[in-house]
PDB file of N, CA and C in Angstrom:
ATOM      1  N   MET A   1     117.186 209.319 181.222  1.00  0.00           N
ATOM      2  CA  MET A   1     117.479 209.436 182.853  1.00  0.00           C
ATOM      3  C   MET A   1     116.320 208.289 183.367  1.00  0.00           C
ATOM      4  N   ALA A   2     116.802 207.486 184.277  1.00  0.00           N
ATOM      5  CA  ALA A   2     115.873 206.335 184.821  1.00  0.00           C
ATOM      6  C   ALA A   2     114.976 207.252 185.609  1.00  0.00           C
ATOM      7  N   LEU A   3     113.756 206.395 185.808  1.00  0.00           N
ATOM      8  CA  LEU A   3     112.830 206.821 186.506  1.00  0.00           C
ATOM      9  C   LEU A   3     113.079 207.233 188.075  1.00  0.00           C
ATOM     10  N   ASP A   4     113.718 206.262 188.679  1.00  0.00           N
ATOM     11  CA  ASP A   4     114.242 206.313 190.075  1.00  0.00           C
ATOM     12  C   ASP A   4     114.996 207.687 190.095  1.00  0.00           C
ATOM     13  N   ASP A   5     116.109 207.922 189.274  1.00  0.00           N
ATOM     14  CA  ASP A   5     116.845 209.226 189.271  1.00  0.00           C
ATOM     15  C   ASP A   5     116.014 210.518 189.221  1.00  0.00           C
ATOM     16  N   THR A   6     114.962 210.430 188.257  1.00  0.00           N
ATOM     17  CA  THR A   6     114.087 211.446 188.126  1.00  0.00           C
ATOM     18  C   THR A   6     113.119 211.802 189.436  1.00  0.00           C
ATOM     19  N   ARG A   7     112.782 210.722 190.082  1.00  0.00           N
ATOM     20  CA  ARG A   7     111.926 210.826 191.149  1.00  0.00           C
ATOM     21  C   ARG A   7     112.808 211.391 192.368  1.00  0.00           C
ATOM     22  N   ARG A   8     114.255 210.950 192.371  1.00  0.00           N
ATOM     23  CA  ARG A   8     115.107 211.397 193.459  1.00  0.00           C
ATOM     24  C   ARG A   8     115.296 213.015 193.260  1.00  0.00           C
ATOM     25  N   ARG A   9     115.491 213.385 192.016  1.00  0.00           N
ATOM     26  CA  ARG A   9     115.436 214.895 191.855  1.00  0.00           C
ATOM     27  C   ARG A   9     114.483 215.534 192.256  1.00  0.00           C
ATOM     28  N   ILE A  10     113.005 215.077 191.831  1.00  0.00           N
ATOM     29  CA  ILE A  10     111.896 215.734 192.463  1.00  0.00           C
ATOM     30  C   ILE A  10     111.832 215.774 193.969  1.00  0.00           C
ATOM     31  N   ASP A  11     112.326 214.645 194.632  1.00  0.00           N
ATOM     32  CA  ASP A  11     112.355 214.670 196.092  1.00  0.00           C
ATOM     33  C   ASP A  11     113.336 215.797 196.500  1.00  0.00           C
ATOM     34  N   ASP A  12     114.490 215.841 195.855  1.00  0.00           N
ATOM     35  CA  ASP A  12     115.552 216.913 196.219  1.00  0.00           C
ATOM     36  C   ASP A  12     114.907 218.343 196.075  1.00  0.00           C
ATOM     37  N   ILE A  13     114.071 218.667 194.961  1.00  0.00           N
ATOM     38  CA  ILE A  13     113.661 219.704 194.786  1.00  0.00           C
ATOM     39  C   ILE A  13     112.554 220.117 195.611  1.00  0.00           C
ATOM     40  N   ASP A  14     111.673 219.079 196.034  1.00  0.00           N
ATOM     41  CA  ASP A  14     110.603 219.177 197.183  1.00  0.00           C
ATOM     42  C   ASP A  14     111.172 219.497 198.440  1.00  0.00           C
ATOM     43  N   ASP A  15     112.354 219.031 198.892  1.00  0.00           N
ATOM     44  CA  ASP A  15     112.911 219.218 200.157  1.00  0.00           C
ATOM     45  C   ASP A  15     113.558 220.636 200.166  1.00  0.00           C
ATOM     46  N   ALA A  16     114.055 221.056 199.094  1.00  0.00           N
ATOM     47  CA  ALA A  16     114.598 222.501 198.973  1.00  0.00           C
ATOM     48  C   ALA A  16     113.584 223.591 198.991  1.00  0.00           C
ATOM     49  N   ILE A  17     112.232 223.337 198.301  1.00  0.00           N
ATOM     50  CA  ILE A  17     111.110 224.224 198.381  1.00  0.00           C
ATOM     51  C   ILE A  17     110.573 224.256 199.722  1.00  0.00           C
ATOM     52  N   LEU A  18     110.408 223.205 200.450  1.00  0.00           N
ATOM     53  CA  LEU A  18     109.896 223.190 201.718  1.00  0.00           C
ATOM     54  C   LEU A  18     110.982 223.907 202.745  1.00  0.00           C
ATOM     55  N   GLY A  19     112.220 223.823 202.715  1.00  0.00           N
ATOM     56  CA  GLY A  19     113.307 224.456 203.272  1.00  0.00           C
ATOM     57  C   GLY A  19     112.954 225.960 203.270  1.00  0.00           C
ATOM     58  N   LEU A  20     113.011 226.494 201.811  1.00  0.00           N
ATOM     59  CA  LEU A  20     112.796 227.814 201.587  1.00  0.00           C
ATOM     60  C   LEU A  20     111.369 228.366 202.254  1.00  0.00           C
ATOM     61  N   LEU A  21     110.397 227.679 201.955  1.00  0.00           N
ATOM     62  CA  LEU A  21     109.088 228.058 202.728  1.00  0.00           C
ATOM     63  C   LEU A  21     109.299 228.094 204.062  1.00  0.00           C
ATOM     64  N   GLU A  22     110.022 227.475 204.789  1.00  0.00           N
ATOM     65  CA  GLU A  22     110.166 227.511 206.258  1.00  0.00           C
ATOM     66  C   GLU A  22     111.009 228.695 206.576  1.00  0.00           C
ATOM     67  N   GLN A  23     112.058 228.896 205.711  1.00  0.00           N
ATOM     68  CA  GLN A  23     112.822 230.160 205.982  1.00  0.00           C
ATOM     69  C   GLN A  23     112.016 231.291 205.863  1.00  0.00           C
ATOM     70  N   ARG A  24     111.140 231.367 204.874  1.00  0.00           N
ATOM     71  CA  ARG A  24     110.224 232.282 204.578  1.00  0.00           C
ATOM     72  C   ARG A  24     109.219 232.670 205.837  1.00  0.00           C
ATOM     73  N   ALA A  25     108.688 231.723 206.283  1.00  0.00           N
ATOM     74  CA  ALA A  25     107.790 231.648 207.370  1.00  0.00           C
ATOM     75  C   ALA A  25     108.596 232.265 208.582  1.00  0.00           C
ATOM     76  N   ARG A  26     109.844 231.964 208.699  1.00  0.00           N
ATOM     77  CA  ARG A  26     110.613 232.565 209.924  1.00  0.00           C
ATOM     78  C   ARG A  26     110.721 234.032 209.646  1.00  0.00           C
ATOM     79  N   ILE A  27     110.965 234.322 208.597  1.00  0.00           N
ATOM     80  CA  ILE A  27     111.159 235.978 208.172  1.00  0.00           C
ATOM     81  C   ILE A  27     109.937 236.606 208.295  1.00  0.00           C
ATOM     82  N   VAL A  28     108.749 236.078 208.028  1.00  0.00           N
ATOM     83  CA  VAL A  28     107.496 236.590 208.106  1.00  0.00           C
ATOM     84  C   VAL A  28     107.312 236.672 209.523  1.00  0.00           C
ATOM     85  N   ALA A  29     107.664 235.725 210.559  1.00  0.00           N
ATOM     86  CA  ALA A  29     107.309 235.858 211.902  1.00  0.00           C
ATOM     87  C   ALA A  29     108.137 237.086 212.366  1.00  0.00           C
ATOM     88  N   ASP A  30     109.403 237.335 212.014  1.00  0.00           N
ATOM     89  CA  ASP A  30     110.248 238.523 212.316  1.00  0.00           C
ATOM     90  C   ASP A  30     109.518 239.749 212.141  1.00  0.00           C
ATOM     91  N   VAL A  31     109.044 239.784 210.770  1.00  0.00           N
ATOM     92  CA  VAL A  31     108.271 241.020 210.230  1.00  0.00           C
ATOM     93  C   VAL A  31     107.105 241.401 211.198  1.00  0.00           C
ATOM     94  N   ALA A  32     106.354 240.215 211.557  1.00  0.00           N
ATOM     95  CA  ALA A  32     105.319 240.336 212.485  1.00  0.00           C
ATOM     96  C   ALA A  32     105.626 241.006 213.787  1.00  0.00           C
ATOM     97  N   ARG A  33     106.735 240.418 214.345  1.00  0.00           N
ATOM     98  CA  ARG A  33     107.188 240.958 215.661  1.00  0.00           C
ATOM     99  C   ARG A  33     107.767 242.399 215.657  1.00  0.00           C
ATOM    100  N   ALA A  34     108.363 242.771 214.479  1.00  0.00           N
ATOM    101  CA  ALA A  34     108.831 244.204 214.344  1.00  0.00           C
ATOM    102  C   ALA A  34     107.679 245.285 214.181  1.00  0.00           C
ATOM    103  N   LYS A  35     106.523 244.767 213.456  1.00  0.00           N
ATOM    104  CA  LYS A  35     105.485 245.503 213.356  1.00  0.00           C
ATOM    105  C   LYS A  35     104.664 245.627 214.673  1.00  0.00           C
ATOM    106  N   ARG A  36     104.561 244.574 215.536  1.00  0.00           N
ATOM    107  CA  ARG A  36     103.871 244.551 216.756  1.00  0.00           C
ATOM    108  C   ARG A  36     104.782 245.519 217.821  1.00  0.00           C
ATOM    109  N   ALA A  37     106.149 245.614 217.735  1.00  0.00           N
ATOM    110  CA  ALA A  37     106.977 246.272 218.413  1.00  0.00           C
ATOM    111  C   ALA A  37     106.801 247.863 218.005  1.00  0.00           C
ATOM    112  N   ALA A  38     106.341 248.100 216.724  1.00  0.00           N
ATOM    113  CA  ALA A  38     106.248 249.394 216.305  1.00  0.00           C
ATOM    114  C   ALA A  38     104.757 249.920 216.316  1.00  0.00           C
ATOM    115  N   ASN A  39     104.019 248.948 216.944  1.00  0.00           N
ATOM    116  CA  ASN A  39     102.372 249.148 217.120  1.00  0.00           C
ATOM    117  C   ASN A  39     101.828 249.541 215.884  1.00  0.00           C
ATOM    118  N   LEU A  40     102.269 248.611 214.813  1.00  0.00           N
ATOM    119  CA  LEU A  40     101.690 248.488 213.435  1.00  0.00           C
ATOM    120  C   LEU A  40     100.835 247.382 213.113  1.00  0.00           C
ATOM    121  N   PRO A  41      99.749 247.587 212.413  1.00  0.00           N
ATOM    122  CA  PRO A  41      99.013 246.367 212.061  1.00  0.00           C
ATOM    123  C   PRO A  41      99.800 245.195 211.416  1.00  0.00           C
ATOM    124  N   THR A  42      99.627 243.824 211.924  1.00  0.00           N
ATOM    125  CA  THR A  42     100.358 242.968 211.123  1.00  0.00           C
ATOM    126  C   THR A  42     100.035 242.525 209.733  1.00  0.00           C
ATOM    127  N   HIS A  43      98.700 242.586 209.569  1.00  0.00           N
ATOM    128  CA  HIS A  43      98.284 242.269 208.309  1.00  0.00           C
ATOM    129  C   HIS A  43      97.988 243.462 207.361  1.00  0.00           C
ATOM    130  N   ASP A  44      98.807 243.320 206.116  1.00  0.00           N
ATOM    131  CA  ASP A  44      98.937 244.576 205.143  1.00  0.00           C
ATOM    132  C   ASP A  44      98.220 243.961 203.919  1.00  0.00           C
ATOM    133  N   PRO A  45      96.964 244.133 203.626  1.00  0.00           N
ATOM    134  CA  PRO A  45      96.260 243.739 202.444  1.00  0.00           C
ATOM    135  C   PRO A  45      96.961 244.195 201.099  1.00  0.00           C
ATOM    136  N   ALA A  46      97.286 245.407 201.208  1.00  0.00           N
ATOM    137  CA  ALA A  46      97.943 245.907 199.879  1.00  0.00           C
ATOM    138  C   ALA A  46      99.373 245.227 199.717  1.00  0.00           C
ATOM    139  N   ARG A  47     100.135 245.024 200.698  1.00  0.00           N
ATOM    140  CA  ARG A  47     101.487 244.320 200.560  1.00  0.00           C
ATOM    141  C   ARG A  47     101.176 242.822 200.010  1.00  0.00           C
ATOM    142  N   GLU A  48     100.040 242.258 200.845  1.00  0.00           N
ATOM    143  CA  GLU A  48      99.732 240.641 200.219  1.00  0.00           C
ATOM    144  C   GLU A  48      99.369 240.697 198.952  1.00  0.00           C
ATOM    145  N   ARG A  49      98.554 241.547 198.383  1.00  0.00           N
ATOM    146  CA  ARG A  49      98.271 241.489 196.842  1.00  0.00           C
ATOM    147  C   ARG A  49      99.318 241.944 196.115  1.00  0.00           C
ATOM    148  N   GLN A  50     100.113 242.790 196.501  1.00  0.00           N
ATOM    149  CA  GLN A  50     101.515 242.951 195.723  1.00  0.00           C
ATOM    150  C   GLN A  50     102.277 241.880 195.498  1.00  0.00           C
ATOM    151  N   VAL A  51     102.486 241.019 196.697  1.00  0.00           N
ATOM    152  CA  VAL A  51     103.430 239.859 196.489  1.00  0.00           C
ATOM    153  C   VAL A  51     102.708 238.802 195.896  1.00  0.00           C
ATOM    154  N   LEU A  52     101.448 238.549 195.914  1.00  0.00           N
ATOM    155  CA  LEU A  52     100.815 237.614 195.169  1.00  0.00           C
ATOM    156  C   LEU A  52     100.668 237.917 193.630  1.00  0.00           C
ATOM    157  N   GLU A  53     100.336 239.148 193.493  1.00  0.00           N
ATOM    158  CA  GLU A  53     100.463 239.492 191.965  1.00  0.00           C
ATOM    159  C   GLU A  53     101.779 239.392 191.304  1.00  0.00           C
ATOM    160  N   ARG A  54     102.796 239.728 192.002  1.00  0.00           N
ATOM    161  CA  ARG A  54     104.138 239.718 191.490  1.00  0.00           C
ATOM    162  C   ARG A  54     104.481 238.176 191.096  1.00  0.00           C
ATOM    163  N   LEU A  55     104.060 237.372 192.007  1.00  0.00           N
ATOM    164  CA  LEU A  55     104.552 235.816 191.807  1.00  0.00           C
ATOM    165  C   LEU A  55     103.608 235.119 190.960  1.00  0.00           C
ATOM    166  N   ALA A  56     102.372 235.483 190.926  1.00  0.00           N
ATOM    167  CA  ALA A  56     101.323 235.064 189.925  1.00  0.00           C
ATOM    168  C   ALA A  56     101.703 235.410 188.357  1.00  0.00           C
ATOM    169  N   GLY A  57     102.379 236.676 188.446  1.00  0.00           N
ATOM    170  CA  GLY A  57     102.789 237.223 186.998  1.00  0.00           C
ATOM    171  C   GLY A  57     103.981 236.303 186.466  1.00  0.00           C
ATOM    172  N   ARG A  58     104.623 235.673 187.389  1.00  0.00           N
ATOM    173  CA  ARG A  58     105.823 234.980 187.003  1.00  0.00           C
ATOM    174  C   ARG A  58     105.596 233.489 186.672  1.00  0.00           C
ATOM    175  N   ALA A  59     104.170 233.166 186.806  1.00  0.00           N
ATOM    176  CA  ALA A  59     103.916 231.778 186.496  1.00  0.00           C
ATOM    177  C   ALA A  59     104.256 231.298 185.062  1.00  0.00           C
ATOM    178  N   GLY A  60     104.739 230.136 185.195  1.00  0.00           N
ATOM    179  CA  GLY A  60     105.103 229.371 183.943  1.00  0.00           C
ATOM    180  C   GLY A  60     104.289 228.188 183.832  1.00  0.00           C
ATOM    181  N   LEU A  61     104.975 226.876 184.132  1.00  0.00           N
ATOM    182  CA  LEU A  61     104.110 225.801 184.195  1.00  0.00           C
ATOM    183  C   LEU A  61     103.356 225.685 185.259  1.00  0.00           C
ATOM    184  N   PHE A  62     103.706 226.179 186.482  1.00  0.00           N
ATOM    185  CA  PHE A  62     102.940 226.268 187.744  1.00  0.00           C
ATOM    186  C   PHE A  62     101.870 227.139 187.750  1.00  0.00           C
ATOM    187  N   PRO A  63     100.605 226.743 187.837  1.00  0.00           N
ATOM    188  CA  PRO A  63      99.668 227.698 187.532  1.00  0.00           C
ATOM    189  C   PRO A  63      99.455 228.862 188.553  1.00  0.00           C
ATOM    190  N   ALA A  64      99.092 230.137 188.123  1.00  0.00           N
ATOM    191  CA  ALA A  64      98.953 231.171 189.122  1.00  0.00           C
ATOM    192  C   ALA A  64      98.094 230.830 190.080  1.00  0.00           C
ATOM    193  N   PRO A  65      96.756 230.284 190.135  1.00  0.00           N
ATOM    194  CA  PRO A  65      96.079 230.008 191.112  1.00  0.00           C
ATOM    195  C   PRO A  65      96.694 229.146 192.151  1.00  0.00           C
ATOM    196  N   SER A  66      97.549 228.400 191.872  1.00  0.00           N
ATOM    197  CA  SER A  66      98.375 227.409 192.707  1.00  0.00           C
ATOM    198  C   SER A  66      99.354 228.204 193.457  1.00  0.00           C
ATOM    199  N   ILE A  67      99.927 229.093 192.777  1.00  0.00           N
ATOM    200  CA  ILE A  67     101.134 229.943 193.442  1.00  0.00           C
ATOM    201  C   ILE A  67     100.400 230.808 194.480  1.00  0.00           C
ATOM    202  N   ARG A  68      99.176 231.325 194.196  1.00  0.00           N
ATOM    203  CA  ARG A  68      98.493 232.125 195.181  1.00  0.00           C
ATOM    204  C   ARG A  68      98.053 231.235 196.485  1.00  0.00           C
ATOM    205  N   ALA A  69      97.646 230.104 196.317  1.00  0.00           N
ATOM    206  CA  ALA A  69      97.214 229.140 197.379  1.00  0.00           C
ATOM    207  C   ALA A  69      98.387 228.943 198.064  1.00  0.00           C
ATOM    208  N   VAL A  70      99.812 228.718 197.646  1.00  0.00           N
ATOM    209  CA  VAL A  70     100.873 228.413 198.487  1.00  0.00           C
ATOM    210  C   VAL A  70     101.240 229.379 199.272  1.00  0.00           C
ATOM    211  N   TYR A  71     101.218 230.729 198.755  1.00  0.00           N
ATOM    212  CA  TYR A  71     101.697 231.921 199.361  1.00  0.00           C
ATOM    213  C   TYR A  71     100.704 232.368 200.449  1.00  0.00           C
ATOM    214  N   ARG A  72      99.421 232.053 200.421  1.00  0.00           N
ATOM    215  CA  ARG A  72      98.414 232.388 201.325  1.00  0.00           C
ATOM    216  C   ARG A  72      98.566 231.515 202.621  1.00  0.00           C
TER     217      ARG A  72
END
């Protein structure tokens, strides 16, 4: 595969990742609104730890510390 084609594939993946992170951020905002409406704390350290550990545990070529940084 030509270098330009490979770079285009990377650009497409980067765009998809960014789109998914934006979608996730919107859902996180929905969760925060629901928590505020229920008079619950918006930050849940135990849940945050659970999410980060689950994702870091799935790390392959992408290093676990980088996964944690992205999701923080």
